[in-house]
Amino acid sequence: MTTLMHKDGFWDRAAMTLSGLCLVHCIATAFFIAAAASIGGLLGAEWVHEFGLAIAIALGAVGLGQGVLRHGYVMPVAIGSLGLGIMAGALSLPHGGMEVIYTILGVSILALGHDLNFRATH
């Protein structure tokens, strides 16, 4: 298991999966807030966003950090960090329109960083 986690871009794939889940979460939250306030209240809870960002930061640090050590390219880390910064900034916005847009933008940029990291490793 440990060998699997250090080979074949495991951390990048895990981070890209989390990015995809975050994207689905953002779109689902916007839909459910409009459709049913009770469900939207749960999905839109602040702790969900903070927890997701903490996981994204941890996966980004491990996945992108290991990539730099392997291939030596800093660009994936720079792009991934920009995405994380946009995601963190989105937490300061009120729930709704612009928060969702900035979160989706940040998640997409972070996923691009992980994709570049994955491609540089393989």
PDB file of N, CA and C in Angstrom:
ATOM      1  N   MET A   1       0.825  -1.196   0.000  1.00  0.00           N
ATOM      2  CA  MET A   1       0.000   0.000   0.000  1.00  0.00           C
ATOM      3  C   MET A   1       0.861   1.248   0.000  1.00  0.00           C
ATOM      4  N   THR A   2       1.915   1.264   0.829  1.00  0.00           N
ATOM      5  CA  THR A   2       2.784   2.433   0.882  1.00  0.00           C
ATOM      6  C   THR A   2       3.446   2.672  -0.463  1.00  0.00           C
ATOM      7  N   THR A   3       3.885   1.610  -1.125  1.00  0.00           N
ATOM      8  CA  THR A   3       4.505   1.739  -2.432  1.00  0.00           C
ATOM      9  C   THR A   3       3.512   2.290  -3.437  1.00  0.00           C
ATOM     10  N   LEU A   4       2.282   1.853  -3.392  1.00  0.00           N
ATOM     11  CA  LEU A   4       1.243   2.340  -4.281  1.00  0.00           C
ATOM     12  C   LEU A   4       1.034   3.832  -4.099  1.00  0.00           C
ATOM     13  N   MET A   5       1.112   4.309  -2.859  1.00  0.00           N
ATOM     14  CA  MET A   5       0.863   5.717  -2.581  1.00  0.00           C
ATOM     15  C   MET A   5       2.001   6.614  -3.070  1.00  0.00           C
ATOM     16  N   HIS A   6       3.168   6.068  -3.342  1.00  0.00           N
ATOM     17  CA  HIS A   6       4.301   6.858  -3.789  1.00  0.00           C
ATOM     18  C   HIS A   6       4.562   6.720  -5.282  1.00  0.00           C
ATOM     19  N   LYS A   7       3.817   5.860  -5.950  1.00  0.00           N
ATOM     20  CA  LYS A   7       4.023   5.613  -7.366  1.00  0.00           C
ATOM     21  C   LYS A   7       2.813   6.064  -8.167  1.00  0.00           C
ATOM     22  N   ASP A   8       3.067   6.234  -9.449  1.00  0.00           N
ATOM     23  CA  ASP A   8       1.999   6.420 -10.428  1.00  0.00           C
ATOM     24  C   ASP A   8       1.069   7.575 -10.119  1.00  0.00           C
ATOM     25  N   GLY A   9       1.556   8.640  -9.501  1.00  0.00           N
ATOM     26  CA  GLY A   9       0.755   9.842  -9.304  1.00  0.00           C
ATOM     27  C   GLY A   9      -0.429   9.665  -8.388  1.00  0.00           C
ATOM     28  N   PHE A  10      -0.329   8.794  -7.396  1.00  0.00           N
ATOM     29  CA  PHE A  10      -1.448   8.542  -6.482  1.00  0.00           C
ATOM     30  C   PHE A  10      -1.983   9.837  -5.884  1.00  0.00           C
ATOM     31  N   TRP A  11      -1.083  10.675  -5.372  1.00  0.00           N
ATOM     32  CA  TRP A  11      -1.531  11.900  -4.683  1.00  0.00           C
ATOM     33  C   TRP A  11      -2.176  12.871  -5.649  1.00  0.00           C
ATOM     34  N   ASP A  12      -1.644  12.962  -6.883  1.00  0.00           N
ATOM     35  CA  ASP A  12      -2.254  13.847  -7.870  1.00  0.00           C
ATOM     36  C   ASP A  12      -3.640  13.352  -8.259  1.00  0.00           C
ATOM     37  N   ARG A  13      -3.779  12.044  -8.461  1.00  0.00           N
ATOM     38  CA  ARG A  13      -5.098  11.501  -8.794  1.00  0.00           C
ATOM     39  C   ARG A  13      -6.074  11.710  -7.646  1.00  0.00           C
ATOM     40  N   ALA A  14      -5.613  11.522  -6.404  1.00  0.00           N
ATOM     41  CA  ALA A  14      -6.478  11.754  -5.246  1.00  0.00           C
ATOM     42  C   ALA A  14      -6.895  13.212  -5.175  1.00  0.00           C
ATOM     43  N   ALA A  15      -5.967  14.113  -5.427  1.00  0.00           N
ATOM     44  CA  ALA A  15      -6.281  15.543  -5.373  1.00  0.00           C
ATOM     45  C   ALA A  15      -7.222  15.947  -6.512  1.00  0.00           C
ATOM     46  N   MET A  16      -7.013  15.388  -7.714  1.00  0.00           N
ATOM     47  CA  MET A  16      -7.913  15.695  -8.822  1.00  0.00           C
ATOM     48  C   MET A  16      -9.308  15.144  -8.554  1.00  0.00           C
ATOM     49  N   THR A  17      -9.391  13.990  -7.918  1.00  0.00           N
ATOM     50  CA  THR A  17     -10.687  13.432  -7.540  1.00  0.00           C
ATOM     51  C   THR A  17     -11.371  14.347  -6.545  1.00  0.00           C
ATOM     52  N   LEU A  18     -10.627  14.832  -5.555  1.00  0.00           N
ATOM     53  CA  LEU A  18     -11.196  15.764  -4.578  1.00  0.00           C
ATOM     54  C   LEU A  18     -11.652  17.045  -5.271  1.00  0.00           C
ATOM     55  N   SER A  19     -10.880  17.529  -6.235  1.00  0.00           N
ATOM     56  CA  SER A  19     -11.278  18.724  -6.978  1.00  0.00           C
ATOM     57  C   SER A  19     -12.602  18.492  -7.708  1.00  0.00           C
ATOM     58  N   GLY A  20     -12.729  17.324  -8.310  1.00  0.00           N
ATOM     59  CA  GLY A  20     -13.984  16.990  -8.990  1.00  0.00           C
ATOM     60  C   GLY A  20     -15.147  16.901  -8.020  1.00  0.00           C
ATOM     61  N   LEU A  21     -14.899  16.301  -6.867  1.00  0.00           N
ATOM     62  CA  LEU A  21     -15.952  16.225  -5.844  1.00  0.00           C
ATOM     63  C   LEU A  21     -16.333  17.613  -5.349  1.00  0.00           C
ATOM     64  N   CYS A  22     -15.343  18.486  -5.203  1.00  0.00           N
ATOM     65  CA  CYS A  22     -15.622  19.848  -4.779  1.00  0.00           C
ATOM     66  C   CYS A  22     -16.478  20.570  -5.814  1.00  0.00           C
ATOM     67  N   LEU A  23     -16.154  20.369  -7.091  1.00  0.00           N
ATOM     68  CA  LEU A  23     -16.933  20.971  -8.165  1.00  0.00           C
ATOM     69  C   LEU A  23     -18.379  20.485  -8.117  1.00  0.00           C
ATOM     70  N   VAL A  24     -18.564  19.185  -7.954  1.00  0.00           N
ATOM     71  CA  VAL A  24     -19.914  18.624  -7.838  1.00  0.00           C
ATOM     72  C   VAL A  24     -20.615  19.205  -6.613  1.00  0.00           C
ATOM     73  N   HIS A  25     -19.888  19.314  -5.505  1.00  0.00           N
ATOM     74  CA  HIS A  25     -20.461  19.873  -4.274  1.00  0.00           C
ATOM     75  C   HIS A  25     -20.942  21.304  -4.504  1.00  0.00           C
ATOM     76  N   CYS A  26     -20.115  22.125  -5.169  1.00  0.00           N
ATOM     77  CA  CYS A  26     -20.491  23.526  -5.394  1.00  0.00           C
ATOM     78  C   CYS A  26     -21.740  23.641  -6.261  1.00  0.00           C
ATOM     79  N   ILE A  27     -21.773  22.870  -7.323  1.00  0.00           N
ATOM     80  CA  ILE A  27     -22.932  22.914  -8.214  1.00  0.00           C
ATOM     81  C   ILE A  27     -24.159  22.362  -7.500  1.00  0.00           C
ATOM     82  N   ALA A  28     -23.995  21.261  -6.766  1.00  0.00           N
ATOM     83  CA  ALA A  28     -25.117  20.684  -6.024  1.00  0.00           C
ATOM     84  C   ALA A  28     -25.627  21.646  -4.955  1.00  0.00           C
ATOM     85  N   THR A  29     -24.702  22.331  -4.286  1.00  0.00           N
ATOM     86  CA  THR A  29     -25.109  23.280  -3.251  1.00  0.00           C
ATOM     87  C   THR A  29     -25.944  24.400  -3.845  1.00  0.00           C
ATOM     88  N   ALA A  30     -25.459  24.952  -4.953  1.00  0.00           N
ATOM     89  CA  ALA A  30     -26.222  26.030  -5.600  1.00  0.00           C
ATOM     90  C   ALA A  30     -27.608  25.542  -6.015  1.00  0.00           C
ATOM     91  N   PHE A  31     -27.673  24.332  -6.571  1.00  0.00           N
ATOM     92  CA  PHE A  31     -28.958  23.777  -6.987  1.00  0.00           C
ATOM     93  C   PHE A  31     -29.877  23.548  -5.796  1.00  0.00           C
ATOM     94  N   PHE A  32     -29.340  22.900  -4.755  1.00  0.00           N
ATOM     95  CA  PHE A  32     -30.169  22.564  -3.606  1.00  0.00           C
ATOM     96  C   PHE A  32     -30.577  23.783  -2.794  1.00  0.00           C
ATOM     97  N   ILE A  33     -29.740  24.808  -2.760  1.00  0.00           N
ATOM     98  CA  ILE A  33     -30.135  26.032  -2.062  1.00  0.00           C
ATOM     99  C   ILE A  33     -31.343  26.636  -2.758  1.00  0.00           C
ATOM    100  N   ALA A  34     -31.317  26.599  -4.076  1.00  0.00           N
ATOM    101  CA  ALA A  34     -32.451  27.123  -4.825  1.00  0.00           C
ATOM    102  C   ALA A  34     -33.666  26.211  -4.688  1.00  0.00           C
ATOM    103  N   ALA A  35     -33.457  24.895  -4.601  1.00  0.00           N
ATOM    104  CA  ALA A  35     -34.559  23.940  -4.592  1.00  0.00           C
ATOM    105  C   ALA A  35     -35.135  23.685  -3.200  1.00  0.00           C
ATOM    106  N   ALA A  36     -34.283  23.565  -2.210  1.00  0.00           N
ATOM    107  CA  ALA A  36     -34.772  23.215  -0.868  1.00  0.00           C
ATOM    108  C   ALA A  36     -33.833  23.809   0.184  1.00  0.00           C
ATOM    109  N   ALA A  37     -34.335  24.759   0.922  1.00  0.00           N
ATOM    110  CA  ALA A  37     -33.517  25.465   1.902  1.00  0.00           C
ATOM    111  C   ALA A  37     -32.958  24.521   2.967  1.00  0.00           C
ATOM    112  N   SER A  38     -33.667  23.500   3.325  1.00  0.00           N
ATOM    113  CA  SER A  38     -33.171  22.611   4.371  1.00  0.00           C
ATOM    114  C   SER A  38     -31.947  21.828   3.921  1.00  0.00           C
ATOM    115  N   ILE A  39     -31.962  21.316   2.709  1.00  0.00           N
ATOM    116  CA  ILE A  39     -30.812  20.586   2.189  1.00  0.00           C
ATOM    117  C   ILE A  39     -29.673  21.561   1.910  1.00  0.00           C
ATOM    118  N   GLY A  40     -30.012  22.716   1.339  1.00  0.00           N
ATOM    119  CA  GLY A  40     -29.002  23.727   1.041  1.00  0.00           C
ATOM    120  C   GLY A  40     -28.299  24.218   2.281  1.00  0.00           C
ATOM    121  N   GLY A  41     -29.043  24.296   3.403  1.00  0.00           N
ATOM    122  CA  GLY A  41     -28.429  24.731   4.655  1.00  0.00           C
ATOM    123  C   GLY A  41     -27.351  23.772   5.119  1.00  0.00           C
ATOM    124  N   LEU A  42     -27.581  22.486   4.946  1.00  0.00           N
ATOM    125  CA  LEU A  42     -26.588  21.490   5.342  1.00  0.00           C
ATOM    126  C   LEU A  42     -25.375  21.524   4.415  1.00  0.00           C
ATOM    127  N   LEU A  43     -25.598  21.502   3.115  1.00  0.00           N
ATOM    128  CA  LEU A  43     -24.489  21.511   2.159  1.00  0.00           C
ATOM    129  C   LEU A  43     -23.746  22.840   2.149  1.00  0.00           C
ATOM    130  N   GLY A  44     -24.431  23.907   2.486  1.00  0.00           N
ATOM    131  CA  GLY A  44     -23.817  25.225   2.484  1.00  0.00           C
ATOM    132  C   GLY A  44     -23.183  25.595   3.810  1.00  0.00           C
ATOM    133  N   ALA A  45     -23.145  24.673   4.755  1.00  0.00           N
ATOM    134  CA  ALA A  45     -22.572  24.971   6.071  1.00  0.00           C
ATOM    135  C   ALA A  45     -21.108  25.367   5.932  1.00  0.00           C
ATOM    136  N   GLU A  46     -20.719  26.363   6.713  1.00  0.00           N
ATOM    137  CA  GLU A  46     -19.359  26.888   6.633  1.00  0.00           C
ATOM    138  C   GLU A  46     -18.304  25.818   6.929  1.00  0.00           C
ATOM    139  N   TRP A  47     -18.577  24.931   7.874  1.00  0.00           N
ATOM    140  CA  TRP A  47     -17.587  23.909   8.242  1.00  0.00           C
ATOM    141  C   TRP A  47     -17.295  22.960   7.091  1.00  0.00           C
ATOM    142  N   VAL A  48     -18.283  22.732   6.217  1.00  0.00           N
ATOM    143  CA  VAL A  48     -18.067  21.853   5.067  1.00  0.00           C
ATOM    144  C   VAL A  48     -17.009  22.463   4.152  1.00  0.00           C
ATOM    145  N   HIS A  49     -17.127  23.769   3.919  1.00  0.00           N
ATOM    146  CA  HIS A  49     -16.165  24.448   3.056  1.00  0.00           C
ATOM    147  C   HIS A  49     -14.776  24.502   3.699  1.00  0.00           C
ATOM    148  N   GLU A  50     -14.735  24.787   4.975  1.00  0.00           N
ATOM    149  CA  GLU A  50     -13.452  24.856   5.672  1.00  0.00           C
ATOM    150  C   GLU A  50     -12.775  23.489   5.717  1.00  0.00           C
ATOM    151  N   PHE A  51     -13.543  22.450   5.964  1.00  0.00           N
ATOM    152  CA  PHE A  51     -13.009  21.091   5.993  1.00  0.00           C
ATOM    153  C   PHE A  51     -12.491  20.687   4.614  1.00  0.00           C
ATOM    154  N   GLY A  52     -13.267  20.989   3.586  1.00  0.00           N
ATOM    155  CA  GLY A  52     -12.851  20.665   2.216  1.00  0.00           C
ATOM    156  C   GLY A  52     -11.581  21.397   1.825  1.00  0.00           C
ATOM    157  N   LEU A  53     -11.468  22.669   2.217  1.00  0.00           N
ATOM    158  CA  LEU A  53     -10.257  23.427   1.911  1.00  0.00           C
ATOM    159  C   LEU A  53      -9.053  22.850   2.651  1.00  0.00           C
ATOM    160  N   ALA A  54      -9.245  22.449   3.897  1.00  0.00           N
ATOM    161  CA  ALA A  54      -8.142  21.851   4.667  1.00  0.00           C
ATOM    162  C   ALA A  54      -7.649  20.568   3.992  1.00  0.00           C
ATOM    163  N   ILE A  55      -8.567  19.746   3.520  1.00  0.00           N
ATOM    164  CA  ILE A  55      -8.176  18.512   2.822  1.00  0.00           C
ATOM    165  C   ILE A  55      -7.468  18.859   1.509  1.00  0.00           C
ATOM    166  N   ALA A  56      -7.992  19.856   0.788  1.00  0.00           N
ATOM    167  CA  ALA A  56      -7.370  20.256  -0.477  1.00  0.00           C
ATOM    168  C   ALA A  56      -5.949  20.761  -0.252  1.00  0.00           C
ATOM    169  N   ILE A  57      -5.743  21.534   0.804  1.00  0.00           N
ATOM    170  CA  ILE A  57      -4.403  22.036   1.114  1.00  0.00           C
ATOM    171  C   ILE A  57      -3.464  20.875   1.444  1.00  0.00           C
ATOM    172  N   ALA A  58      -3.941  19.934   2.254  1.00  0.00           N
ATOM    173  CA  ALA A  58      -3.103  18.787   2.623  1.00  0.00           C
ATOM    174  C   ALA A  58      -2.742  17.943   1.400  1.00  0.00           C
ATOM    175  N   LEU A  59      -3.729  17.608   0.571  1.00  0.00           N
ATOM    176  CA  LEU A  59      -3.458  16.815  -0.630  1.00  0.00           C
ATOM    177  C   LEU A  59      -2.567  17.582  -1.600  1.00  0.00           C
ATOM    178  N   GLY A  60      -2.796  18.893  -1.703  1.00  0.00           N
ATOM    179  CA  GLY A  60      -1.965  19.702  -2.581  1.00  0.00           C
ATOM    180  C   GLY A  60      -0.521  19.719  -2.126  1.00  0.00           C
ATOM    181  N   ALA A  61      -0.309  19.889  -0.818  1.00  0.00           N
ATOM    182  CA  ALA A  61       1.056  19.919  -0.289  1.00  0.00           C
ATOM    183  C   ALA A  61       1.769  18.596  -0.535  1.00  0.00           C
ATOM    184  N   VAL A  62       1.087  17.502  -0.286  1.00  0.00           N
ATOM    185  CA  VAL A  62       1.710  16.189  -0.461  1.00  0.00           C
ATOM    186  C   VAL A  62       1.904  15.877  -1.949  1.00  0.00           C
ATOM    187  N   GLY A  63       0.849  15.965  -2.721  1.00  0.00           N
ATOM    188  CA  GLY A  63       0.917  15.593  -4.134  1.00  0.00           C
ATOM    189  C   GLY A  63       1.826  16.498  -4.940  1.00  0.00           C
ATOM    190  N   LEU A  64       1.627  17.801  -4.834  1.00  0.00           N
ATOM    191  CA  LEU A  64       2.441  18.736  -5.602  1.00  0.00           C
ATOM    192  C   LEU A  64       3.875  18.778  -5.075  1.00  0.00           C
ATOM    193  N   GLY A  65       4.017  18.679  -3.755  1.00  0.00           N
ATOM    194  CA  GLY A  65       5.358  18.675  -3.161  1.00  0.00           C
ATOM    195  C   GLY A  65       6.180  17.491  -3.604  1.00  0.00           C
ATOM    196  N   GLN A  66       5.583  16.311  -3.597  1.00  0.00           N
ATOM    197  CA  GLN A  66       6.297  15.117  -4.061  1.00  0.00           C
ATOM    198  C   GLN A  66       6.653  15.231  -5.537  1.00  0.00           C
ATOM    199  N   GLY A  67       5.761  15.860  -6.294  1.00  0.00           N
ATOM    200  CA  GLY A  67       6.036  16.039  -7.723  1.00  0.00           C
ATOM    201  C   GLY A  67       7.261  16.892  -7.960  1.00  0.00           C
ATOM    202  N   VAL A  68       7.384  17.997  -7.229  1.00  0.00           N
ATOM    203  CA  VAL A  68       8.559  18.866  -7.374  1.00  0.00           C
ATOM    204  C   VAL A  68       9.833  18.102  -7.039  1.00  0.00           C
ATOM    205  N   LEU A  69       9.768  17.280  -6.003  1.00  0.00           N
ATOM    206  CA  LEU A  69      10.943  16.500  -5.623  1.00  0.00           C
ATOM    207  C   LEU A  69      11.301  15.482  -6.703  1.00  0.00           C
ATOM    208  N   ARG A  70      10.312  14.971  -7.417  1.00  0.00           N
ATOM    209  CA  ARG A  70      10.562  13.969  -8.458  1.00  0.00           C
ATOM    210  C   ARG A  70      11.058  14.596  -9.753  1.00  0.00           C
ATOM    211  N   HIS A  71      10.298  15.592 -10.252  1.00  0.00           N
ATOM    212  CA  HIS A  71      10.612  16.124 -11.577  1.00  0.00           C
ATOM    213  C   HIS A  71      11.277  17.491 -11.548  1.00  0.00           C
ATOM    214  N   GLY A  72      11.203  18.205 -10.447  1.00  0.00           N
ATOM    215  CA  GLY A  72      11.896  19.480 -10.312  1.00  0.00           C
ATOM    216  C   GLY A  72      11.190  20.693 -10.891  1.00  0.00           C
ATOM    217  N   TYR A  73      10.010  20.524 -11.449  1.00  0.00           N
ATOM    218  CA  TYR A  73       9.276  21.651 -12.024  1.00  0.00           C
ATOM    219  C   TYR A  73       8.432  22.326 -10.949  1.00  0.00           C
ATOM    220  N   VAL A  74       8.559  23.643 -10.855  1.00  0.00           N
ATOM    221  CA  VAL A  74       7.850  24.396  -9.815  1.00  0.00           C
ATOM    222  C   VAL A  74       6.489  24.889 -10.324  1.00  0.00           C
ATOM    223  N   MET A  75       6.311  24.964 -11.636  1.00  0.00           N
ATOM    224  CA  MET A  75       5.078  25.517 -12.202  1.00  0.00           C
ATOM    225  C   MET A  75       3.810  24.824 -11.689  1.00  0.00           C
ATOM    226  N   PRO A  76       3.747  23.491 -11.590  1.00  0.00           N
ATOM    227  CA  PRO A  76       2.525  22.879 -11.058  1.00  0.00           C
ATOM    228  C   PRO A  76       2.192  23.357  -9.636  1.00  0.00           C
ATOM    229  N   VAL A  77       3.219  23.542  -8.800  1.00  0.00           N
ATOM    230  CA  VAL A  77       2.990  24.030  -7.441  1.00  0.00           C
ATOM    231  C   VAL A  77       2.468  25.457  -7.478  1.00  0.00           C
ATOM    232  N   ALA A  78       3.045  26.289  -8.352  1.00  0.00           N
ATOM    233  CA  ALA A  78       2.607  27.681  -8.460  1.00  0.00           C
ATOM    234  C   ALA A  78       1.147  27.761  -8.896  1.00  0.00           C
ATOM    235  N   ILE A  79       0.789  26.978  -9.895  1.00  0.00           N
ATOM    236  CA  ILE A  79      -0.591  26.993 -10.383  1.00  0.00           C
ATOM    237  C   ILE A  79      -1.530  26.413  -9.328  1.00  0.00           C
ATOM    238  N   GLY A  80      -1.140  25.303  -8.704  1.00  0.00           N
ATOM    239  CA  GLY A  80      -1.969  24.715  -7.656  1.00  0.00           C
ATOM    240  C   GLY A  80      -2.156  25.672  -6.482  1.00  0.00           C
ATOM    241  N   SER A  81      -1.103  26.377  -6.108  1.00  0.00           N
ATOM    242  CA  SER A  81      -1.194  27.338  -5.000  1.00  0.00           C
ATOM    243  C   SER A  81      -2.121  28.492  -5.343  1.00  0.00           C
ATOM    244  N   LEU A  82      -2.092  28.941  -6.586  1.00  0.00           N
ATOM    245  CA  LEU A  82      -3.019  29.983  -7.018  1.00  0.00           C
ATOM    246  C   LEU A  82      -4.462  29.497  -6.851  1.00  0.00           C
ATOM    247  N   GLY A  83      -4.718  28.269  -7.275  1.00  0.00           N
ATOM    248  CA  GLY A  83      -6.067  27.708  -7.121  1.00  0.00           C
ATOM    249  C   GLY A  83      -6.490  27.624  -5.669  1.00  0.00           C
ATOM    250  N   LEU A  84      -5.578  27.169  -4.799  1.00  0.00           N
ATOM    251  CA  LEU A  84      -5.889  27.101  -3.365  1.00  0.00           C
ATOM    252  C   LEU A  84      -6.157  28.490  -2.796  1.00  0.00           C
ATOM    253  N   GLY A  85      -5.388  29.473  -3.245  1.00  0.00           N
ATOM    254  CA  GLY A  85      -5.593  30.841  -2.775  1.00  0.00           C
ATOM    255  C   GLY A  85      -6.951  31.392  -3.173  1.00  0.00           C
ATOM    256  N   ILE A  86      -7.366  31.111  -4.390  1.00  0.00           N
ATOM    257  CA  ILE A  86      -8.689  31.553  -4.850  1.00  0.00           C
ATOM    258  C   ILE A  86      -9.779  30.852  -4.047  1.00  0.00           C
ATOM    259  N   MET A  87      -9.589  29.552  -3.787  1.00  0.00           N
ATOM    260  CA  MET A  87     -10.565  28.814  -2.980  1.00  0.00           C
ATOM    261  C   MET A  87     -10.651  29.397  -1.568  1.00  0.00           C
ATOM    262  N   ALA A  88      -9.502  29.706  -0.977  1.00  0.00           N
ATOM    263  CA  ALA A  88      -9.493  30.285   0.371  1.00  0.00           C
ATOM    264  C   ALA A  88     -10.159  31.649   0.367  1.00  0.00           C
ATOM    265  N   GLY A  89      -9.894  32.435  -0.656  1.00  0.00           N
ATOM    266  CA  GLY A  89     -10.534  33.745  -0.762  1.00  0.00           C
ATOM    267  C   GLY A  89     -12.039  33.643  -0.918  1.00  0.00           C
ATOM    268  N   ALA A  90     -12.501  32.606  -1.597  1.00  0.00           N
ATOM    269  CA  ALA A  90     -13.946  32.414  -1.789  1.00  0.00           C
ATOM    270  C   ALA A  90     -14.657  32.192  -0.458  1.00  0.00           C
ATOM    271  N   LEU A  91     -13.932  31.647   0.531  1.00  0.00           N
ATOM    272  CA  LEU A  91     -14.544  31.439   1.849  1.00  0.00           C
ATOM    273  C   LEU A  91     -14.927  32.751   2.523  1.00  0.00           C
ATOM    274  N   SER A  92     -14.287  33.853   2.120  1.00  0.00           N
ATOM    275  CA  SER A  92     -14.591  35.141   2.739  1.00  0.00           C
ATOM    276  C   SER A  92     -15.820  35.809   2.118  1.00  0.00           C
ATOM    277  N   LEU A  93     -16.318  35.245   1.042  1.00  0.00           N
ATOM    278  CA  LEU A  93     -17.481  35.817   0.363  1.00  0.00           C
ATOM    279  C   LEU A  93     -18.770  35.252   0.941  1.00  0.00           C
ATOM    280  N   PRO A  94     -19.859  36.025   0.844  1.00  0.00           N
ATOM    281  CA  PRO A  94     -21.157  35.482   1.286  1.00  0.00           C
ATOM    282  C   PRO A  94     -21.563  34.298   0.404  1.00  0.00           C
ATOM    283  N   HIS A  95     -22.293  33.347   0.989  1.00  0.00           N
ATOM    284  CA  HIS A  95     -22.756  32.180   0.227  1.00  0.00           C
ATOM    285  C   HIS A  95     -23.601  32.640  -0.947  1.00  0.00           C
ATOM    286  N   GLY A  96     -23.424  31.930  -2.040  1.00  0.00           N
ATOM    287  CA  GLY A  96     -24.218  32.237  -3.221  1.00  0.00           C
ATOM    288  C   GLY A  96     -23.337  32.536  -4.415  1.00  0.00           C
ATOM    289  N   GLY A  97     -23.884  33.270  -5.348  1.00  0.00           N
ATOM    290  CA  GLY A  97     -23.319  33.542  -6.659  1.00  0.00           C
ATOM    291  C   GLY A  97     -21.825  33.628  -6.799  1.00  0.00           C
ATOM    292  N   MET A  98     -21.207  34.702  -6.304  1.00  0.00           N
ATOM    293  CA  MET A  98     -19.784  34.914  -6.518  1.00  0.00           C
ATOM    294  C   MET A  98     -18.929  33.898  -5.771  1.00  0.00           C
ATOM    295  N   GLU A  99     -19.374  33.459  -4.609  1.00  0.00           N
ATOM    296  CA  GLU A  99     -18.626  32.441  -3.864  1.00  0.00           C
ATOM    297  C   GLU A  99     -18.521  31.160  -4.693  1.00  0.00           C
ATOM    298  N   VAL A 100     -19.613  30.758  -5.288  1.00  0.00           N
ATOM    299  CA  VAL A 100     -19.630  29.545  -6.111  1.00  0.00           C
ATOM    300  C   VAL A 100     -18.724  29.717  -7.324  1.00  0.00           C
ATOM    301  N   ILE A 101     -18.797  30.863  -7.968  1.00  0.00           N
ATOM    302  CA  ILE A 101     -17.984  31.111  -9.164  1.00  0.00           C
ATOM    303  C   ILE A 101     -16.495  31.064  -8.821  1.00  0.00           C
ATOM    304  N   TYR A 102     -16.101  31.755  -7.732  1.00  0.00           N
ATOM    305  CA  TYR A 102     -14.690  31.761  -7.353  1.00  0.00           C
ATOM    306  C   TYR A 102     -14.220  30.383  -6.878  1.00  0.00           C
ATOM    307  N   THR A 103     -15.075  29.656  -6.205  1.00  0.00           N
ATOM    308  CA  THR A 103     -14.695  28.316  -5.761  1.00  0.00           C
ATOM    309  C   THR A 103     -14.486  27.400  -6.961  1.00  0.00           C
ATOM    310  N   ILE A 104     -15.378  27.444  -7.909  1.00  0.00           N
ATOM    311  CA  ILE A 104     -15.239  26.626  -9.118  1.00  0.00           C
ATOM    312  C   ILE A 104     -13.971  27.014  -9.875  1.00  0.00           C
ATOM    313  N   LEU A 105     -13.690  28.314  -9.962  1.00  0.00           N
ATOM    314  CA  LEU A 105     -12.470  28.774 -10.621  1.00  0.00           C
ATOM    315  C   LEU A 105     -11.233  28.243  -9.884  1.00  0.00           C
ATOM    316  N   GLY A 106     -11.225  28.372  -8.563  1.00  0.00           N
ATOM    317  CA  GLY A 106     -10.088  27.893  -7.771  1.00  0.00           C
ATOM    318  C   GLY A 106      -9.890  26.398  -7.889  1.00  0.00           C
ATOM    319  N   VAL A 107     -10.969  25.650  -7.811  1.00  0.00           N
ATOM    320  CA  VAL A 107     -10.890  24.191  -7.929  1.00  0.00           C
ATOM    321  C   VAL A 107     -10.363  23.796  -9.304  1.00  0.00           C
ATOM    322  N   SER A 108     -10.804  24.485 -10.332  1.00  0.00           N
ATOM    323  CA  SER A 108     -10.350  24.167 -11.692  1.00  0.00           C
ATOM    324  C   SER A 108      -8.863  24.456 -11.860  1.00  0.00           C
ATOM    325  N   ILE A 109      -8.401  25.573 -11.312  1.00  0.00           N
ATOM    326  CA  ILE A 109      -6.983  25.923 -11.403  1.00  0.00           C
ATOM    327  C   ILE A 109      -6.148  24.933 -10.596  1.00  0.00           C
ATOM    328  N   LEU A 110      -6.623  24.560  -9.414  1.00  0.00           N
ATOM    329  CA  LEU A 110      -5.917  23.567  -8.607  1.00  0.00           C
ATOM    330  C   LEU A 110      -5.832  22.230  -9.349  1.00  0.00           C
ATOM    331  N   ALA A 111      -6.916  21.808  -9.951  1.00  0.00           N
ATOM    332  CA  ALA A 111      -6.909  20.555 -10.720  1.00  0.00           C
ATOM    333  C   ALA A 111      -5.931  20.652 -11.894  1.00  0.00           C
ATOM    334  N   LEU A 112      -5.829  21.816 -12.526  1.00  0.00           N
ATOM    335  CA  LEU A 112      -4.856  22.009 -13.602  1.00  0.00           C
ATOM    336  C   LEU A 112      -3.439  21.828 -13.071  1.00  0.00           C
ATOM    337  N   GLY A 113      -3.148  22.392 -11.898  1.00  0.00           N
ATOM    338  CA  GLY A 113      -1.831  22.211 -11.297  1.00  0.00           C
ATOM    339  C   GLY A 113      -1.518  20.749 -11.046  1.00  0.00           C
ATOM    340  N   HIS A 114      -2.482  20.015 -10.531  1.00  0.00           N
ATOM    341  CA  HIS A 114      -2.277  18.582 -10.294  1.00  0.00           C
ATOM    342  C   HIS A 114      -2.132  17.811 -11.601  1.00  0.00           C
ATOM    343  N   ASP A 115      -2.879  18.214 -12.620  1.00  0.00           N
ATOM    344  CA  ASP A 115      -2.750  17.555 -13.915  1.00  0.00           C
ATOM    345  C   ASP A 115      -1.373  17.798 -14.516  1.00  0.00           C
ATOM    346  N   LEU A 116      -0.868  19.025 -14.427  1.00  0.00           N
ATOM    347  CA  LEU A 116       0.480  19.325 -14.925  1.00  0.00           C
ATOM    348  C   LEU A 116       1.527  18.531 -14.146  1.00  0.00           C
ATOM    349  N   ASN A 117       1.324  18.428 -12.842  1.00  0.00           N
ATOM    350  CA  ASN A 117       2.229  17.658 -11.993  1.00  0.00           C
ATOM    351  C   ASN A 117       2.218  16.191 -12.402  1.00  0.00           C
ATOM    352  N   PHE A 118       1.038  15.664 -12.621  1.00  0.00           N
ATOM    353  CA  PHE A 118       0.890  14.259 -13.026  1.00  0.00           C
ATOM    354  C   PHE A 118       1.590  14.009 -14.361  1.00  0.00           C
ATOM    355  N   ARG A 119       1.375  14.918 -15.313  1.00  0.00           N
ATOM    356  CA  ARG A 119       1.995  14.754 -16.637  1.00  0.00           C
ATOM    357  C   ARG A 119       3.512  14.878 -16.572  1.00  0.00           C
ATOM    358  N   ALA A 120       4.018  15.757 -15.712  1.00  0.00           N
ATOM    359  CA  ALA A 120       5.472  15.922 -15.592  1.00  0.00           C
ATOM    360  C   ALA A 120       6.115  14.710 -14.961  1.00  0.00           C
ATOM    361  N   THR A 121       5.368  14.019 -14.107  1.00  0.00           N
ATOM    362  CA  THR A 121       5.891  12.841 -13.433  1.00  0.00           C
ATOM    363  C   THR A 121       5.914  11.631 -14.351  1.00  0.00           C
ATOM    364  N   HIS A 122       4.994  11.578 -15.311  1.00  0.00           N
ATOM    365  CA  HIS A 122       4.880  10.396 -16.183  1.00  0.00           C
ATOM    366  C   HIS A 122       5.323  10.690 -17.587  1.00  0.00           C
TER     367      HIS A 122
END
